[in-house]
Amino acid sequence: MKDNNYYGTFIEVAEDCPVAAAEIPASKGESKTVPLMQYEMIANHPYRYTQEDVLFEVFADRSEIPEDQRQAAREKFFSKGQPCLRASSLGKRYGWGIHHDAEGKMALYAVESADYQAFLADDAIKKVKAMRSKRV
């Protein structure tokens, strides 16, 4: 199975991100949105989860897949191509940079923070931008 994680990489906010300071995604009524679920997983547990962990767990929770069926469901989920976190609203809309360490584990950094700027200045870290929301 293909590895879909980033390693030693920083996902910068998109060029057309509308905020100058990071925002926590909102829920819609009683239900949590995908960006909020992604945010909570990464922000509440920095450097615990990989991109694959977050993408699958959010899918599994929203799909209400029972714990005992998750391993098989995960293999099926990744047997098809999945959008990476460059396509997430966290970097496109809400102003969060995502750092992936050498093990592929992630943490969030607000676009206005000194840590975010330090990642941009660090030549040892590969940088990619979150995908733009609008075509050029």
N, C-alpha and C. Protein backbone atom coordinates (compact mmCIF):
# COMPACT_ATOMS: atom_id res chain seq x y z
N MET A 1 0.84 -1.19 0.00
CA MET A 1 0.00 0.00 0.00
C MET A 1 0.88 1.25 0.00
N LYS A 2 0.50 2.24 -0.79
CA LYS A 2 1.27 3.48 -0.92
C LYS A 2 1.21 4.28 0.39
N ASP A 3 2.34 4.88 0.72
CA ASP A 3 2.42 5.76 1.90
C ASP A 3 1.94 7.15 1.48
N ASN A 4 0.91 7.65 2.14
CA ASN A 4 0.33 8.95 1.79
C ASN A 4 0.71 10.06 2.76
N ASN A 5 1.75 9.85 3.55
CA ASN A 5 2.15 10.84 4.55
C ASN A 5 3.25 11.75 4.02
N TYR A 6 3.37 12.91 4.63
CA TYR A 6 4.50 13.81 4.38
C TYR A 6 5.51 13.61 5.50
N TYR A 7 6.78 13.85 5.19
CA TYR A 7 7.86 13.74 6.18
C TYR A 7 8.75 14.97 6.06
N GLY A 8 9.09 15.57 7.22
CA GLY A 8 9.95 16.75 7.21
C GLY A 8 9.43 17.84 6.29
N THR A 9 8.13 18.06 6.32
CA THR A 9 7.47 18.98 5.39
C THR A 9 6.56 19.94 6.15
N PHE A 10 6.49 21.16 5.64
CA PHE A 10 5.59 22.17 6.20
C PHE A 10 4.61 22.59 5.12
N ILE A 11 3.31 22.43 5.41
CA ILE A 11 2.27 22.89 4.48
C ILE A 11 1.92 24.32 4.88
N GLU A 12 2.27 25.26 4.01
CA GLU A 12 1.96 26.67 4.25
C GLU A 12 0.50 26.93 3.92
N VAL A 13 -0.03 28.03 4.44
CA VAL A 13 -1.40 28.40 4.07
C VAL A 13 -1.43 28.75 2.57
N ALA A 14 -2.60 28.63 1.98
CA ALA A 14 -2.77 28.91 0.56
C ALA A 14 -2.52 30.39 0.27
N GLU A 15 -2.10 30.65 -0.96
CA GLU A 15 -1.85 32.04 -1.36
C GLU A 15 -3.10 32.90 -1.24
N ASP A 16 -4.26 32.30 -1.45
CA ASP A 16 -5.51 33.07 -1.38
C ASP A 16 -6.28 32.85 -0.07
N CYS A 17 -5.58 32.43 0.97
CA CYS A 17 -6.23 32.26 2.28
C CYS A 17 -6.76 33.63 2.74
N PRO A 18 -8.04 33.69 3.12
CA PRO A 18 -8.66 34.99 3.41
C PRO A 18 -8.37 35.58 4.80
N VAL A 19 -7.66 34.86 5.67
CA VAL A 19 -7.45 35.36 7.03
C VAL A 19 -5.97 35.69 7.27
N ALA A 20 -5.74 36.71 8.09
CA ALA A 20 -4.37 37.10 8.46
C ALA A 20 -3.97 36.44 9.79
N ALA A 21 -4.96 35.97 10.53
CA ALA A 21 -4.73 35.27 11.79
C ALA A 21 -5.57 33.99 11.77
N ALA A 22 -4.99 32.90 12.25
CA ALA A 22 -5.67 31.61 12.21
C ALA A 22 -6.96 31.62 13.01
N GLU A 23 -7.94 30.88 12.51
CA GLU A 23 -9.24 30.76 13.17
C GLU A 23 -9.54 29.28 13.41
N ILE A 24 -10.24 29.00 14.48
CA ILE A 24 -10.70 27.64 14.74
C ILE A 24 -11.97 27.42 13.92
N PRO A 25 -12.01 26.35 13.13
CA PRO A 25 -13.22 26.09 12.33
C PRO A 25 -14.45 25.94 13.22
N ALA A 26 -15.58 26.37 12.71
CA ALA A 26 -16.83 26.30 13.47
C ALA A 26 -17.58 25.01 13.14
N SER A 27 -18.46 24.63 14.06
CA SER A 27 -19.34 23.49 13.79
C SER A 27 -20.60 24.03 13.11
N LYS A 28 -21.35 23.12 12.51
CA LYS A 28 -22.61 23.50 11.89
C LYS A 28 -23.72 22.90 12.73
N GLY A 29 -24.36 23.73 13.50
CA GLY A 29 -25.41 23.23 14.39
C GLY A 29 -24.84 22.21 15.36
N GLU A 30 -25.45 21.04 15.41
CA GLU A 30 -25.02 19.99 16.33
C GLU A 30 -23.82 19.20 15.79
N SER A 31 -23.61 19.22 14.48
CA SER A 31 -22.57 18.36 13.91
C SER A 31 -21.27 19.12 13.66
N LYS A 32 -20.17 18.41 13.89
CA LYS A 32 -18.86 18.98 13.64
C LYS A 32 -18.54 18.87 12.16
N THR A 33 -17.89 19.90 11.63
CA THR A 33 -17.47 19.89 10.23
C THR A 33 -16.17 19.11 10.10
N VAL A 34 -15.83 18.71 8.88
CA VAL A 34 -14.56 18.02 8.64
C VAL A 34 -13.38 18.87 9.10
N PRO A 35 -13.32 20.18 8.74
CA PRO A 35 -12.18 20.97 9.21
C PRO A 35 -12.09 21.04 10.74
N LEU A 36 -13.22 21.12 11.42
CA LEU A 36 -13.20 21.16 12.88
C LEU A 36 -12.69 19.84 13.44
N MET A 37 -13.13 18.73 12.88
CA MET A 37 -12.67 17.42 13.34
C MET A 37 -11.16 17.27 13.11
N GLN A 38 -10.69 17.70 11.95
CA GLN A 38 -9.25 17.65 11.67
C GLN A 38 -8.49 18.54 12.65
N TYR A 39 -8.99 19.75 12.84
CA TYR A 39 -8.35 20.69 13.76
C TYR A 39 -8.24 20.09 15.17
N GLU A 40 -9.34 19.57 15.69
CA GLU A 40 -9.33 19.03 17.05
C GLU A 40 -8.37 17.86 17.19
N MET A 41 -8.33 16.99 16.20
CA MET A 41 -7.44 15.84 16.27
C MET A 41 -5.97 16.27 16.32
N ILE A 42 -5.62 17.21 15.45
CA ILE A 42 -4.21 17.63 15.37
C ILE A 42 -3.85 18.58 16.51
N ALA A 43 -4.69 19.58 16.76
CA ALA A 43 -4.38 20.58 17.79
C ALA A 43 -4.36 20.00 19.19
N ASN A 44 -5.25 19.05 19.47
CA ASN A 44 -5.33 18.47 20.81
C ASN A 44 -4.27 17.40 21.05
N HIS A 45 -3.62 16.94 19.98
CA HIS A 45 -2.60 15.89 20.09
C HIS A 45 -1.44 16.17 19.13
N PRO A 46 -0.69 17.26 19.36
CA PRO A 46 0.39 17.58 18.42
C PRO A 46 1.42 16.46 18.32
N TYR A 47 1.80 16.19 17.10
CA TYR A 47 2.81 15.18 16.77
C TYR A 47 2.44 13.78 17.25
N ARG A 48 1.14 13.49 17.29
CA ARG A 48 0.70 12.13 17.60
C ARG A 48 0.22 11.40 16.33
N TYR A 49 -0.42 12.13 15.42
CA TYR A 49 -1.05 11.50 14.26
C TYR A 49 -0.35 11.85 12.95
N THR A 50 -0.43 10.91 12.00
CA THR A 50 0.03 11.17 10.64
C THR A 50 -1.15 11.69 9.82
N GLN A 51 -0.85 12.16 8.62
CA GLN A 51 -1.91 12.60 7.72
C GLN A 51 -2.90 11.46 7.47
N GLU A 52 -2.40 10.25 7.23
CA GLU A 52 -3.29 9.11 6.99
C GLU A 52 -4.21 8.87 8.18
N ASP A 53 -3.66 8.97 9.40
CA ASP A 53 -4.47 8.77 10.61
C ASP A 53 -5.63 9.76 10.65
N VAL A 54 -5.33 11.02 10.41
CA VAL A 54 -6.34 12.07 10.51
C VAL A 54 -7.39 11.90 9.41
N LEU A 55 -6.94 11.72 8.18
CA LEU A 55 -7.89 11.57 7.07
C LEU A 55 -8.83 10.39 7.31
N PHE A 56 -8.26 9.25 7.72
CA PHE A 56 -9.11 8.08 7.92
C PHE A 56 -10.01 8.21 9.14
N GLU A 57 -9.48 8.66 10.27
CA GLU A 57 -10.30 8.73 11.49
C GLU A 57 -11.48 9.69 11.32
N VAL A 58 -11.26 10.81 10.64
CA VAL A 58 -12.37 11.74 10.40
C VAL A 58 -13.42 11.05 9.51
N PHE A 59 -12.97 10.37 8.46
CA PHE A 59 -13.89 9.62 7.60
C PHE A 59 -14.65 8.55 8.41
N ALA A 60 -13.92 7.78 9.20
CA ALA A 60 -14.52 6.68 9.96
C ALA A 60 -15.52 7.20 10.99
N ASP A 61 -15.18 8.30 11.68
CA ASP A 61 -16.11 8.86 12.66
C ASP A 61 -17.38 9.37 11.99
N ARG A 62 -17.21 10.08 10.88
CA ARG A 62 -18.38 10.61 10.17
C ARG A 62 -19.23 9.49 9.58
N SER A 63 -18.58 8.37 9.20
CA SER A 63 -19.29 7.23 8.61
C SER A 63 -19.77 6.24 9.67
N GLU A 64 -19.43 6.53 10.94
CA GLU A 64 -19.82 5.70 12.07
C GLU A 64 -19.38 4.24 11.89
N ILE A 65 -18.13 4.06 11.47
CA ILE A 65 -17.57 2.72 11.30
C ILE A 65 -17.16 2.19 12.67
N PRO A 66 -17.67 1.00 13.07
CA PRO A 66 -17.32 0.45 14.38
C PRO A 66 -15.82 0.16 14.49
N GLU A 67 -15.28 0.27 15.71
CA GLU A 67 -13.85 0.07 15.95
C GLU A 67 -13.35 -1.26 15.39
N ASP A 68 -14.13 -2.33 15.56
CA ASP A 68 -13.67 -3.65 15.12
C ASP A 68 -13.62 -3.80 13.60
N GLN A 69 -14.17 -2.85 12.87
CA GLN A 69 -14.15 -2.90 11.41
C GLN A 69 -13.21 -1.86 10.79
N ARG A 70 -12.55 -1.09 11.64
CA ARG A 70 -11.77 0.04 11.12
C ARG A 70 -10.52 -0.36 10.34
N GLN A 71 -9.84 -1.43 10.73
CA GLN A 71 -8.63 -1.80 10.00
C GLN A 71 -8.94 -2.16 8.56
N ALA A 72 -9.97 -2.98 8.35
CA ALA A 72 -10.37 -3.36 6.99
C ALA A 72 -10.87 -2.13 6.24
N ALA A 73 -11.62 -1.27 6.92
CA ALA A 73 -12.15 -0.07 6.29
C ALA A 73 -11.01 0.88 5.90
N ARG A 74 -9.97 0.93 6.72
CA ARG A 74 -8.82 1.79 6.42
C ARG A 74 -8.11 1.31 5.15
N GLU A 75 -7.92 0.02 5.03
CA GLU A 75 -7.27 -0.52 3.83
C GLU A 75 -8.10 -0.21 2.59
N LYS A 76 -9.41 -0.35 2.70
CA LYS A 76 -10.30 -0.04 1.57
C LYS A 76 -10.26 1.46 1.26
N PHE A 77 -10.27 2.29 2.30
CA PHE A 77 -10.25 3.75 2.15
C PHE A 77 -9.02 4.19 1.36
N PHE A 78 -7.85 3.65 1.69
CA PHE A 78 -6.63 4.07 1.03
C PHE A 78 -6.33 3.30 -0.25
N SER A 79 -7.18 2.33 -0.61
CA SER A 79 -6.98 1.63 -1.88
C SER A 79 -7.33 2.55 -3.05
N LYS A 80 -8.13 3.59 -2.76
CA LYS A 80 -8.44 4.62 -3.75
C LYS A 80 -7.66 5.87 -3.35
N GLY A 81 -7.36 6.71 -4.31
CA GLY A 81 -6.66 7.96 -4.01
C GLY A 81 -7.48 8.84 -3.10
N GLN A 82 -6.82 9.50 -2.15
CA GLN A 82 -7.50 10.42 -1.23
C GLN A 82 -6.82 11.78 -1.28
N PRO A 83 -7.59 12.86 -1.20
CA PRO A 83 -6.96 14.18 -1.16
C PRO A 83 -6.13 14.33 0.11
N CYS A 84 -4.98 14.96 -0.01
CA CYS A 84 -4.12 15.15 1.16
C CYS A 84 -4.54 16.41 1.92
N LEU A 85 -3.85 16.69 3.00
CA LEU A 85 -4.21 17.85 3.82
C LEU A 85 -3.87 19.18 3.15
N ARG A 86 -3.18 19.16 2.02
CA ARG A 86 -3.00 20.40 1.26
C ARG A 86 -4.36 20.90 0.77
N ALA A 87 -5.32 19.99 0.63
CA ALA A 87 -6.66 20.34 0.17
C ALA A 87 -7.60 20.68 1.33
N SER A 88 -7.13 20.56 2.56
CA SER A 88 -7.96 20.83 3.73
C SER A 88 -8.23 22.32 3.88
N SER A 89 -9.40 22.63 4.40
CA SER A 89 -9.74 24.03 4.71
C SER A 89 -8.85 24.62 5.79
N LEU A 90 -8.17 23.79 6.56
CA LEU A 90 -7.29 24.33 7.61
C LEU A 90 -6.28 25.30 7.01
N GLY A 91 -5.67 24.93 5.90
CA GLY A 91 -4.69 25.80 5.25
C GLY A 91 -5.27 26.68 4.17
N LYS A 92 -6.40 26.30 3.62
CA LYS A 92 -7.01 27.08 2.54
C LYS A 92 -7.84 28.24 3.07
N ARG A 93 -8.54 28.03 4.15
CA ARG A 93 -9.51 29.01 4.64
C ARG A 93 -9.24 29.53 6.05
N TYR A 94 -8.68 28.65 6.93
CA TYR A 94 -8.61 29.00 8.35
C TYR A 94 -7.25 29.48 8.84
N GLY A 95 -6.22 29.47 8.00
CA GLY A 95 -4.93 30.06 8.37
C GLY A 95 -4.01 29.20 9.21
N TRP A 96 -4.09 27.87 9.06
CA TRP A 96 -3.22 26.97 9.82
C TRP A 96 -2.17 26.34 8.92
N GLY A 97 -0.90 26.47 9.29
CA GLY A 97 0.17 25.73 8.66
C GLY A 97 0.27 24.38 9.35
N ILE A 98 0.68 23.35 8.61
CA ILE A 98 0.77 22.01 9.18
C ILE A 98 2.19 21.50 9.02
N HIS A 99 2.85 21.27 10.15
CA HIS A 99 4.21 20.72 10.12
C HIS A 99 4.16 19.21 10.29
N HIS A 100 4.87 18.51 9.41
CA HIS A 100 5.01 17.05 9.48
C HIS A 100 6.46 16.79 9.87
N ASP A 101 6.69 16.11 10.99
CA ASP A 101 8.06 15.85 11.43
C ASP A 101 8.67 14.69 10.65
N ALA A 102 9.86 14.26 11.05
CA ALA A 102 10.58 13.20 10.33
C ALA A 102 9.82 11.87 10.35
N GLU A 103 8.92 11.69 11.32
CA GLU A 103 8.13 10.46 11.40
C GLU A 103 6.76 10.61 10.74
N GLY A 104 6.49 11.78 10.17
CA GLY A 104 5.20 12.03 9.53
C GLY A 104 4.11 12.50 10.47
N LYS A 105 4.44 12.71 11.75
CA LYS A 105 3.45 13.18 12.74
C LYS A 105 3.29 14.69 12.59
N MET A 106 2.08 15.18 12.87
CA MET A 106 1.74 16.57 12.55
C MET A 106 1.40 17.44 13.75
N ALA A 107 1.61 18.75 13.54
CA ALA A 107 1.16 19.77 14.49
C ALA A 107 0.74 20.99 13.68
N LEU A 108 -0.15 21.80 14.26
CA LEU A 108 -0.67 23.01 13.60
C LEU A 108 0.07 24.25 14.11
N TYR A 109 0.25 25.20 13.20
CA TYR A 109 0.87 26.48 13.56
C TYR A 109 0.09 27.61 12.90
N ALA A 110 -0.32 28.57 13.72
CA ALA A 110 -1.09 29.71 13.23
C ALA A 110 -0.23 30.57 12.31
N VAL A 111 -0.83 31.05 11.23
CA VAL A 111 -0.09 31.81 10.21
C VAL A 111 0.58 33.05 10.79
N GLU A 112 0.03 33.61 11.85
CA GLU A 112 0.60 34.84 12.43
C GLU A 112 1.67 34.56 13.48
N SER A 113 1.95 33.30 13.77
CA SER A 113 2.87 32.95 14.86
C SER A 113 4.34 33.00 14.47
N ALA A 114 5.18 33.18 15.47
CA ALA A 114 6.64 33.17 15.26
C ALA A 114 7.09 31.78 14.81
N ASP A 115 6.46 30.74 15.34
CA ASP A 115 6.81 29.38 14.92
C ASP A 115 6.56 29.17 13.43
N TYR A 116 5.45 29.69 12.94
CA TYR A 116 5.12 29.58 11.51
C TYR A 116 6.23 30.23 10.69
N GLN A 117 6.63 31.42 11.09
CA GLN A 117 7.69 32.14 10.37
C GLN A 117 9.02 31.39 10.44
N ALA A 118 9.29 30.74 11.57
CA ALA A 118 10.52 29.96 11.72
C ALA A 118 10.54 28.78 10.75
N PHE A 119 9.40 28.14 10.54
CA PHE A 119 9.34 27.04 9.56
C PHE A 119 9.62 27.57 8.16
N LEU A 120 9.06 28.73 7.83
CA LEU A 120 9.29 29.31 6.50
C LEU A 120 10.77 29.61 6.27
N ALA A 121 11.45 30.03 7.33
CA ALA A 121 12.86 30.42 7.21
C ALA A 121 13.82 29.23 7.26
N ASP A 122 13.35 28.07 7.66
CA ASP A 122 14.21 26.89 7.82
C ASP A 122 14.39 26.17 6.50
N ASP A 123 15.60 26.27 5.93
CA ASP A 123 15.88 25.65 4.64
C ASP A 123 15.94 24.14 4.69
N ALA A 124 16.02 23.57 5.89
CA ALA A 124 16.10 22.11 6.03
C ALA A 124 14.73 21.45 5.90
N ILE A 125 13.67 22.26 5.94
CA ILE A 125 12.31 21.72 5.87
C ILE A 125 11.73 21.98 4.47
N LYS A 126 11.19 20.92 3.89
CA LYS A 126 10.52 21.06 2.59
C LYS A 126 9.22 21.82 2.83
N LYS A 127 8.90 22.74 1.92
CA LYS A 127 7.68 23.53 2.04
C LYS A 127 6.80 23.34 0.82
N VAL A 128 5.52 23.15 1.07
CA VAL A 128 4.51 23.11 0.01
C VAL A 128 3.36 23.99 0.47
N LYS A 129 2.64 24.55 -0.47
CA LYS A 129 1.51 25.41 -0.11
C LYS A 129 0.22 24.61 -0.13
N ALA A 130 -0.71 25.01 0.73
CA ALA A 130 -2.06 24.47 0.66
C ALA A 130 -2.63 24.88 -0.69
N MET A 131 -3.54 24.10 -1.20
CA MET A 131 -4.12 24.39 -2.51
C MET A 131 -4.98 25.64 -2.46
N ARG A 132 -4.94 26.38 -3.54
CA ARG A 132 -5.74 27.60 -3.63
C ARG A 132 -7.22 27.24 -3.67
N SER A 133 -8.04 28.14 -3.20
CA SER A 133 -9.50 27.92 -3.24
C SER A 133 -10.06 28.28 -4.61
N LYS A 134 -9.44 29.26 -5.25
CA LYS A 134 -9.92 29.72 -6.54
C LYS A 134 -8.87 29.50 -7.61
N ARG A 135 -9.33 29.24 -8.81
CA ARG A 135 -8.40 29.11 -9.94
C ARG A 135 -7.87 30.49 -10.28
N VAL A 136 -6.68 30.50 -10.83
CA VAL A 136 -6.05 31.78 -11.18
C VAL A 136 -6.49 32.20 -12.56
